[in-house]
Amino acid sequence: SPAGCLRSTNDYPADVAITIGASSYANVSCSGATTADMTAPQSVTLGTNPPQFGALSSRTALVTVGIGGNDIGFYDIVKTCAEESLTNPFGSPCKSHYTAGGIDQLARAIQNLAPKIGSVLQGIHARAPSARVFLVGYPVILPNSGDGCWPLVPISFGDVPYLRGVELELNAMLAREAAANGAVFVNTYADSIGHDACQAPGTKWVEGLIPTSPAAPFHPNQLGEEHMADQVIAAVG
């Protein structure tokens, strides 16, 4: 609750809580959340999600947070790149769109996001000073090599390497901010190579534009969540 947050009982935080035997557990994540929604209410379908930091207290022992993709406009990026691919599937129209004028808008967005990520981590420490904090990165979405699988995943061949680089830079920025702000970065990318959205059901950990298992497009499915949980558990020790 609210239903519009689209939470799951099979996501990686739930798996982690069960595995480590947490005596209490709260999932306050919400679909579409940005760094601003840590300290402000988020309006969603059928309700409002309270500020996520409201779940923190001096008794909180462990916090996992996955944040950043929505701040740089993940949904709009996917939508734009998919639309651009329809008329130029073998080129790199999405890259041209986001680098028009000689400025890479997505690289700049990641750079501008860095201090906001730092503020999120500092805010967690301020409200839960005894907690260990784990900043969870993003798993592979597009293949780690090659040109993708248009039209199954409608991203032009030339745009696949560009968007792969965007995700890698986002993860690298998250790792830097974690190191600078007393958190542990959890790398979920390396383990997920070979399980991208272009793979067959049962192999892919991330769904494509038209999901073949219960998950949002270009988000982890249950297999992906289980393997993300494995990486968090390994980091927690």
C-alpha atoms as a PDB file:
ATOM      1  CA  SER A   1       0.000   0.000   0.000  1.00  0.00           C
ATOM      2  CA  PRO A   2      -0.403   2.193  -1.942  1.00  0.00           C
ATOM      3  CA  ALA A   3      -1.005  -0.199  -4.836  1.00  0.00           C
ATOM      4  CA  GLY A   4       0.625   2.187  -7.303  1.00  0.00           C
ATOM      5  CA  CYS A   5       4.048   1.548  -5.747  1.00  0.00           C
ATOM      6  CA  LEU A   6       3.967  -1.964  -7.278  1.00  0.00           C
ATOM      7  CA  ARG A   7       5.960  -3.565  -4.474  1.00  0.00           C
ATOM      8  CA  SER A   8       6.655  -7.292  -4.541  1.00  0.00           C
ATOM      9  CA  THR A   9       7.053  -9.916  -1.851  1.00  0.00           C
ATOM     10  CA  ASN A  10       9.614 -11.549  -4.153  1.00  0.00           C
ATOM     11  CA  ASP A  11      12.028  -8.632  -4.558  1.00  0.00           C
ATOM     12  CA  TYR A  12      15.639  -8.653  -3.405  1.00  0.00           C
ATOM     13  CA  PRO A  13      15.053  -6.828  -0.077  1.00  0.00           C
ATOM     14  CA  ALA A  14      12.463  -9.446   0.921  1.00  0.00           C
ATOM     15  CA  ASP A  15      14.859 -12.253  -0.023  1.00  0.00           C
ATOM     16  CA  VAL A  16      17.655 -10.624   1.950  1.00  0.00           C
ATOM     17  CA  ALA A  17      15.444 -10.126   5.026  1.00  0.00           C
ATOM     18  CA  ILE A  18      14.442 -13.791   5.019  1.00  0.00           C
ATOM     19  CA  THR A  19      17.972 -15.064   4.484  1.00  0.00           C
ATOM     20  CA  ILE A  20      19.567 -13.001   7.259  1.00  0.00           C
ATOM     21  CA  GLY A  21      16.678 -13.716   9.634  1.00  0.00           C
ATOM     22  CA  ALA A  22      15.709 -10.101  10.189  1.00  0.00           C
ATOM     23  CA  SER A  23      13.472  -9.709  13.238  1.00  0.00           C
ATOM     24  CA  SER A  24      11.599  -6.890  11.497  1.00  0.00           C
ATOM     25  CA  TYR A  25      11.559  -5.624   7.934  1.00  0.00           C
ATOM     26  CA  ALA A  26      10.027  -2.695   6.062  1.00  0.00           C
ATOM     27  CA  ASN A  27       9.854  -2.198   2.303  1.00  0.00           C
ATOM     28  CA  VAL A  28       9.047   1.427   1.484  1.00  0.00           C
ATOM     29  CA  SER A  29      10.270   1.378  -2.136  1.00  0.00           C
ATOM     30  CA  CYS A  30       7.946   2.746  -4.794  1.00  0.00           C
ATOM     31  CA  SER A  31       7.716   2.582  -8.567  1.00  0.00           C
ATOM     32  CA  GLY A  32       9.142   5.679 -10.189  1.00  0.00           C
ATOM     33  CA  ALA A  33      10.727   7.024  -7.007  1.00  0.00           C
ATOM     34  CA  THR A  34      13.530   9.565  -7.248  1.00  0.00           C
ATOM     35  CA  THR A  35      15.938  10.961  -4.683  1.00  0.00           C
ATOM     36  CA  ALA A  36      13.345  13.665  -3.903  1.00  0.00           C
ATOM     37  CA  ASP A  37      10.933  10.997  -2.665  1.00  0.00           C
ATOM     38  CA  MET A  38      13.225  10.093   0.201  1.00  0.00           C
ATOM     39  CA  THR A  39      12.108  13.212   2.060  1.00  0.00           C
ATOM     40  CA  ALA A  40       8.819  14.106   0.338  1.00  0.00           C
ATOM     41  CA  PRO A  41       5.580  12.196  -0.288  1.00  0.00           C
ATOM     42  CA  GLN A  42       5.194  10.562  -3.708  1.00  0.00           C
ATOM     43  CA  SER A  43       1.817  10.574  -5.447  1.00  0.00           C
ATOM     44  CA  VAL A  44       1.029   7.316  -7.233  1.00  0.00           C
ATOM     45  CA  THR A  45      -2.068   5.548  -8.536  1.00  0.00           C
ATOM     46  CA  LEU A  46      -4.559   4.942  -5.718  1.00  0.00           C
ATOM     47  CA  GLY A  47      -2.674   6.860  -3.095  1.00  0.00           C
ATOM     48  CA  THR A  48       0.418   8.557  -1.789  1.00  0.00           C
ATOM     49  CA  ASN A  49       3.617   6.939  -0.577  1.00  0.00           C
ATOM     50  CA  PRO A  50       4.988   8.715   2.517  1.00  0.00           C
ATOM     51  CA  PRO A  51       8.585   9.982   2.474  1.00  0.00           C
ATOM     52  CA  GLN A  52      10.745   6.877   2.425  1.00  0.00           C
ATOM     53  CA  PHE A  53      13.069   8.193   5.134  1.00  0.00           C
ATOM     54  CA  GLY A  54      10.112   7.897   7.523  1.00  0.00           C
ATOM     55  CA  ALA A  55      10.911   4.190   7.856  1.00  0.00           C
ATOM     56  CA  LEU A  56      14.319   4.936   9.391  1.00  0.00           C
ATOM     57  CA  SER A  57      15.062   5.203  13.098  1.00  0.00           C
ATOM     58  CA  SER A  58      17.845   4.806  15.610  1.00  0.00           C
ATOM     59  CA  ARG A  59      16.874   1.120  15.829  1.00  0.00           C
ATOM     60  CA  THR A  60      17.449   0.483  12.107  1.00  0.00           C
ATOM     61  CA  ALA A  61      20.333  -1.951  11.665  1.00  0.00           C
ATOM     62  CA  LEU A  62      20.567  -2.414   7.899  1.00  0.00           C
ATOM     63  CA  VAL A  63      19.393  -0.371   4.926  1.00  0.00           C
ATOM     64  CA  THR A  64      19.411  -1.277   1.234  1.00  0.00           C
ATOM     65  CA  VAL A  65      18.616   1.404  -1.314  1.00  0.00           C
ATOM     66  CA  GLY A  66      18.457   1.327  -5.093  1.00  0.00           C
ATOM     67  CA  ILE A  67      18.105   4.812  -6.558  1.00  0.00           C
ATOM     68  CA  GLY A  68      19.182   6.974  -9.478  1.00  0.00           C
ATOM     69  CA  GLY A  69      17.669   5.557 -12.649  1.00  0.00           C
ATOM     70  CA  ASN A  70      14.451   7.504 -12.336  1.00  0.00           C
ATOM     71  CA  ASP A  71      16.359  10.701 -11.573  1.00  0.00           C
ATOM     72  CA  ILE A  72      18.050  10.594 -14.966  1.00  0.00           C
ATOM     73  CA  GLY A  73      14.729   9.823 -16.675  1.00  0.00           C
ATOM     74  CA  PHE A  74      14.951   6.076 -17.236  1.00  0.00           C
ATOM     75  CA  TYR A  75      11.410   5.738 -18.587  1.00  0.00           C
ATOM     76  CA  ASP A  76      11.774   8.646 -21.009  1.00  0.00           C
ATOM     77  CA  ILE A  77      15.152   7.341 -22.209  1.00  0.00           C
ATOM     78  CA  VAL A  78      13.702   3.924 -23.018  1.00  0.00           C
ATOM     79  CA  LYS A  79      10.658   5.470 -24.690  1.00  0.00           C
ATOM     80  CA  THR A  80      12.737   7.873 -26.775  1.00  0.00           C
ATOM     81  CA  CYS A  81      15.256   5.253 -27.861  1.00  0.00           C
ATOM     82  CA  ALA A  82      12.548   2.739 -28.770  1.00  0.00           C
ATOM     83  CA  GLU A  83      10.699   5.322 -30.865  1.00  0.00           C
ATOM     84  CA  GLU A  84      13.877   6.496 -32.593  1.00  0.00           C
ATOM     85  CA  SER A  85      14.801   2.902 -33.463  1.00  0.00           C
ATOM     86  CA  LEU A  86      11.692   2.405 -35.595  1.00  0.00           C
ATOM     87  CA  THR A  87      13.038   4.526 -38.437  1.00  0.00           C
ATOM     88  CA  ASN A  88      16.739   3.732 -38.027  1.00  0.00           C
ATOM     89  CA  PRO A  89      17.210   0.270 -36.502  1.00  0.00           C
ATOM     90  CA  PHE A  90      20.812  -0.118 -37.679  1.00  0.00           C
ATOM     91  CA  GLY A  91      22.066   3.350 -36.771  1.00  0.00           C
ATOM     92  CA  SER A  92      22.434   5.239 -33.517  1.00  0.00           C
ATOM     93  CA  PRO A  93      19.546   7.721 -33.498  1.00  0.00           C
ATOM     94  CA  CYS A  94      19.202   7.686 -29.719  1.00  0.00           C
ATOM     95  CA  LYS A  95      22.851   8.596 -29.223  1.00  0.00           C
ATOM     96  CA  SER A  96      22.437  11.384 -31.775  1.00  0.00           C
ATOM     97  CA  HIS A  97      19.394  12.632 -29.876  1.00  0.00           C
ATOM     98  CA  TYR A  98      21.128  12.746 -26.497  1.00  0.00           C
ATOM     99  CA  THR A  99      24.439  14.150 -27.770  1.00  0.00           C
ATOM    100  CA  ALA A 100      23.023  16.812 -30.090  1.00  0.00           C
ATOM    101  CA  GLY A 101      25.055  20.003 -29.904  1.00  0.00           C
ATOM    102  CA  GLY A 102      28.134  18.185 -28.671  1.00  0.00           C
ATOM    103  CA  ILE A 103      26.900  17.733 -25.105  1.00  0.00           C
ATOM    104  CA  ASP A 104      26.009  14.286 -23.791  1.00  0.00           C
ATOM    105  CA  GLN A 105      22.823  15.002 -21.869  1.00  0.00           C
ATOM    106  CA  LEU A 106      22.805  11.634 -20.084  1.00  0.00           C
ATOM    107  CA  ALA A 107      26.440  11.910 -18.982  1.00  0.00           C
ATOM    108  CA  ARG A 108      25.649  15.372 -17.630  1.00  0.00           C
ATOM    109  CA  ALA A 109      22.537  14.079 -15.861  1.00  0.00           C
ATOM    110  CA  ILE A 110      24.608  11.396 -14.119  1.00  0.00           C
ATOM    111  CA  GLN A 111      27.202  13.978 -13.111  1.00  0.00           C
ATOM    112  CA  ASN A 112      24.506  16.275 -11.719  1.00  0.00           C
ATOM    113  CA  LEU A 113      22.886  13.383  -9.877  1.00  0.00           C
ATOM    114  CA  ALA A 114      26.017  12.484  -7.902  1.00  0.00           C
ATOM    115  CA  PRO A 115      25.584  15.038  -5.073  1.00  0.00           C
ATOM    116  CA  LYS A 116      21.921  14.017  -4.690  1.00  0.00           C
ATOM    117  CA  ILE A 117      22.984  10.395  -4.183  1.00  0.00           C
ATOM    118  CA  GLY A 118      25.503  11.579  -1.611  1.00  0.00           C
ATOM    119  CA  SER A 119      22.748  13.501   0.165  1.00  0.00           C
ATOM    120  CA  VAL A 120      20.533  10.402   0.247  1.00  0.00           C
ATOM    121  CA  LEU A 121      23.273   8.365   1.896  1.00  0.00           C
ATOM    122  CA  GLN A 122      24.052  11.134   4.373  1.00  0.00           C
ATOM    123  CA  GLY A 123      20.342  11.408   5.147  1.00  0.00           C
ATOM    124  CA  ILE A 124      20.154   7.703   5.910  1.00  0.00           C
ATOM    125  CA  HIS A 125      23.114   7.928   8.274  1.00  0.00           C
ATOM    126  CA  ALA A 126      21.593  10.939  10.036  1.00  0.00           C
ATOM    127  CA  ARG A 127      18.313   9.125  10.692  1.00  0.00           C
ATOM    128  CA  ALA A 128      19.734   5.648  11.276  1.00  0.00           C
ATOM    129  CA  PRO A 129      23.201   6.245  12.725  1.00  0.00           C
ATOM    130  CA  SER A 130      23.737   2.603  13.718  1.00  0.00           C
ATOM    131  CA  ALA A 131      22.726   1.131  10.357  1.00  0.00           C
ATOM    132  CA  ARG A 132      24.969  -0.489   7.785  1.00  0.00           C
ATOM    133  CA  VAL A 133      24.006   1.018   4.421  1.00  0.00           C
ATOM    134  CA  PHE A 134      24.159  -0.796   1.085  1.00  0.00           C
ATOM    135  CA  LEU A 135      23.689   1.102  -2.168  1.00  0.00           C
ATOM    136  CA  VAL A 136      22.566  -1.453  -4.750  1.00  0.00           C
ATOM    137  CA  GLY A 137      23.602  -0.937  -8.366  1.00  0.00           C
ATOM    138  CA  TYR A 138      21.810  -1.848 -11.570  1.00  0.00           C
ATOM    139  CA  PRO A 139      22.069  -5.245 -13.283  1.00  0.00           C
ATOM    140  CA  VAL A 140      22.677  -5.723 -17.008  1.00  0.00           C
ATOM    141  CA  ILE A 141      19.724  -4.530 -19.072  1.00  0.00           C
ATOM    142  CA  LEU A 142      21.141  -4.702 -22.609  1.00  0.00           C
ATOM    143  CA  PRO A 143      23.772  -7.263 -23.660  1.00  0.00           C
ATOM    144  CA  ASN A 144      27.241  -6.559 -22.277  1.00  0.00           C
ATOM    145  CA  SER A 145      28.654  -6.941 -25.801  1.00  0.00           C
ATOM    146  CA  GLY A 146      27.311  -6.867 -29.340  1.00  0.00           C
ATOM    147  CA  ASP A 147      24.496  -4.885 -30.910  1.00  0.00           C
ATOM    148  CA  GLY A 148      21.405  -6.134 -29.093  1.00  0.00           C
ATOM    149  CA  CYS A 149      18.367  -7.883 -30.526  1.00  0.00           C
ATOM    150  CA  TRP A 150      16.184  -5.374 -32.362  1.00  0.00           C
ATOM    151  CA  PRO A 151      13.175  -5.635 -32.755  1.00  0.00           C
ATOM    152  CA  LEU A 152      12.779  -8.026 -29.780  1.00  0.00           C
ATOM    153  CA  VAL A 153      14.245  -5.266 -27.659  1.00  0.00           C
ATOM    154  CA  PRO A 154      13.641  -2.167 -29.791  1.00  0.00           C
ATOM    155  CA  ILE A 155      16.955  -0.388 -29.359  1.00  0.00           C
ATOM    156  CA  SER A 156      18.908   0.381 -32.529  1.00  0.00           C
ATOM    157  CA  PHE A 157      22.107  -1.606 -33.037  1.00  0.00           C
ATOM    158  CA  GLY A 158      24.300   1.477 -32.785  1.00  0.00           C
ATOM    159  CA  ASP A 159      22.572   2.677 -29.642  1.00  0.00           C
ATOM    160  CA  VAL A 160      23.156  -0.504 -27.640  1.00  0.00           C
ATOM    161  CA  PRO A 161      26.846   0.277 -26.932  1.00  0.00           C
ATOM    162  CA  TYR A 162      25.930   3.873 -26.086  1.00  0.00           C
ATOM    163  CA  LEU A 163      23.231   2.924 -23.585  1.00  0.00           C
ATOM    164  CA  ARG A 164      25.445   0.192 -22.152  1.00  0.00           C
ATOM    165  CA  GLY A 165      27.996   2.900 -21.444  1.00  0.00           C
ATOM    166  CA  VAL A 166      25.344   5.064 -19.792  1.00  0.00           C
ATOM    167  CA  GLU A 167      24.416   2.263 -17.404  1.00  0.00           C
ATOM    168  CA  LEU A 168      28.066   1.524 -16.618  1.00  0.00           C
ATOM    169  CA  GLU A 169      28.713   5.189 -15.869  1.00  0.00           C
ATOM    170  CA  LEU A 170      25.631   5.356 -13.645  1.00  0.00           C
ATOM    171  CA  ASN A 171      26.886   2.341 -11.690  1.00  0.00           C
ATOM    172  CA  ALA A 172      30.388   3.818 -11.478  1.00  0.00           C
ATOM    173  CA  MET A 173      28.995   7.061 -10.082  1.00  0.00           C
ATOM    174  CA  LEU A 174      26.951   5.147  -7.507  1.00  0.00           C
ATOM    175  CA  ALA A 175      30.061   3.234  -6.457  1.00  0.00           C
ATOM    176  CA  ARG A 176      32.009   6.470  -6.004  1.00  0.00           C
ATOM    177  CA  GLU A 177      29.258   8.078  -3.939  1.00  0.00           C
ATOM    178  CA  ALA A 178      28.928   4.984  -1.763  1.00  0.00           C
ATOM    179  CA  ALA A 179      32.659   5.015  -1.046  1.00  0.00           C
ATOM    180  CA  ALA A 180      32.573   8.724  -0.207  1.00  0.00           C
ATOM    181  CA  ASN A 181      29.537   8.516   2.074  1.00  0.00           C
ATOM    182  CA  GLY A 182      30.013   5.526   4.344  1.00  0.00           C
ATOM    183  CA  ALA A 183      28.037   2.996   2.320  1.00  0.00           C
ATOM    184  CA  VAL A 184      28.846  -0.282   0.571  1.00  0.00           C
ATOM    185  CA  PHE A 185      28.181  -0.423  -3.170  1.00  0.00           C
ATOM    186  CA  VAL A 186      26.662  -3.725  -4.274  1.00  0.00           C
ATOM    187  CA  ASN A 187      27.680  -4.583  -7.835  1.00  0.00           C
ATOM    188  CA  THR A 188      24.832  -6.526  -9.438  1.00  0.00           C
ATOM    189  CA  TYR A 189      26.066  -5.923 -12.995  1.00  0.00           C
ATOM    190  CA  ALA A 190      28.937  -8.414 -13.229  1.00  0.00           C
ATOM    191  CA  ASP A 191      26.903 -11.382 -12.012  1.00  0.00           C
ATOM    192  CA  SER A 192      24.085 -10.593 -14.454  1.00  0.00           C
ATOM    193  CA  ILE A 193      26.180 -10.566 -17.645  1.00  0.00           C
ATOM    194  CA  GLY A 194      24.600 -13.051 -20.047  1.00  0.00           C
ATOM    195  CA  HIS A 195      21.186 -12.634 -18.452  1.00  0.00           C
ATOM    196  CA  ASP A 196      20.094  -9.429 -20.196  1.00  0.00           C
ATOM    197  CA  ALA A 197      16.717  -8.634 -21.724  1.00  0.00           C
ATOM    198  CA  CYS A 198      17.696 -10.197 -25.057  1.00  0.00           C
ATOM    199  CA  GLN A 199      17.956 -13.681 -23.566  1.00  0.00           C
ATOM    200  CA  ALA A 200      15.268 -16.370 -23.534  1.00  0.00           C
ATOM    201  CA  PRO A 201      12.831 -16.818 -20.642  1.00  0.00           C
ATOM    202  CA  GLY A 202      14.516 -18.791 -17.891  1.00  0.00           C
ATOM    203  CA  THR A 203      17.875 -17.233 -18.791  1.00  0.00           C
ATOM    204  CA  LYS A 204      17.101 -13.528 -18.709  1.00  0.00           C
ATOM    205  CA  TRP A 205      17.008 -11.774 -15.355  1.00  0.00           C
ATOM    206  CA  VAL A 206      15.652  -8.533 -16.807  1.00  0.00           C
ATOM    207  CA  GLU A 207      12.485  -8.285 -18.884  1.00  0.00           C
ATOM    208  CA  GLY A 208      12.238  -6.579 -22.255  1.00  0.00           C
ATOM    209  CA  LEU A 209       9.623  -4.223 -23.631  1.00  0.00           C
ATOM    210  CA  ILE A 210       6.985  -6.956 -23.507  1.00  0.00           C
ATOM    211  CA  PRO A 211       7.615  -8.957 -20.305  1.00  0.00           C
ATOM    212  CA  THR A 212       7.343 -12.743 -20.441  1.00  0.00           C
ATOM    213  CA  SER A 213       7.132 -13.061 -16.657  1.00  0.00           C
ATOM    214  CA  PRO A 214       5.544 -10.852 -13.962  1.00  0.00           C
ATOM    215  CA  ALA A 215       7.787  -7.786 -13.933  1.00  0.00           C
ATOM    216  CA  ALA A 216       7.820  -4.274 -15.303  1.00  0.00           C
ATOM    217  CA  PRO A 217       9.451  -3.714 -18.717  1.00  0.00           C
ATOM    218  CA  PHE A 218      13.255  -3.365 -18.462  1.00  0.00           C
ATOM    219  CA  HIS A 219      13.177  -4.302 -14.769  1.00  0.00           C
ATOM    220  CA  PRO A 220      14.414  -7.456 -13.022  1.00  0.00           C
ATOM    221  CA  ASN A 221      12.118 -10.469 -12.935  1.00  0.00           C
ATOM    222  CA  GLN A 222      12.048 -12.892 -10.009  1.00  0.00           C
ATOM    223  CA  LEU A 223      15.239 -14.648 -11.170  1.00  0.00           C
ATOM    224  CA  GLY A 224      16.938 -11.275 -11.354  1.00  0.00           C
ATOM    225  CA  GLU A 225      15.731 -10.275  -7.913  1.00  0.00           C
ATOM    226  CA  GLU A 226      16.986 -13.562  -6.442  1.00  0.00           C
ATOM    227  CA  HIS A 227      20.441 -13.037  -7.911  1.00  0.00           C
ATOM    228  CA  MET A 228      20.511  -9.401  -6.810  1.00  0.00           C
ATOM    229  CA  ALA A 229      19.682 -10.671  -3.333  1.00  0.00           C
ATOM    230  CA  ASP A 230      22.629 -13.049  -3.543  1.00  0.00           C
ATOM    231  CA  GLN A 231      24.982 -10.124  -4.157  1.00  0.00           C
ATOM    232  CA  VAL A 232      23.520  -8.089  -1.305  1.00  0.00           C
ATOM    233  CA  ILE A 233      23.780 -11.058   1.073  1.00  0.00           C
ATOM    234  CA  ALA A 234      27.398 -11.605   0.059  1.00  0.00           C
ATOM    235  CA  ALA A 235      28.111  -7.931   0.762  1.00  0.00           C
ATOM    236  CA  VAL A 236      26.347  -8.054   4.118  1.00  0.00           C
ATOM    237  CA  GLY A 237      28.377 -11.109   5.029  1.00  0.00           C
END
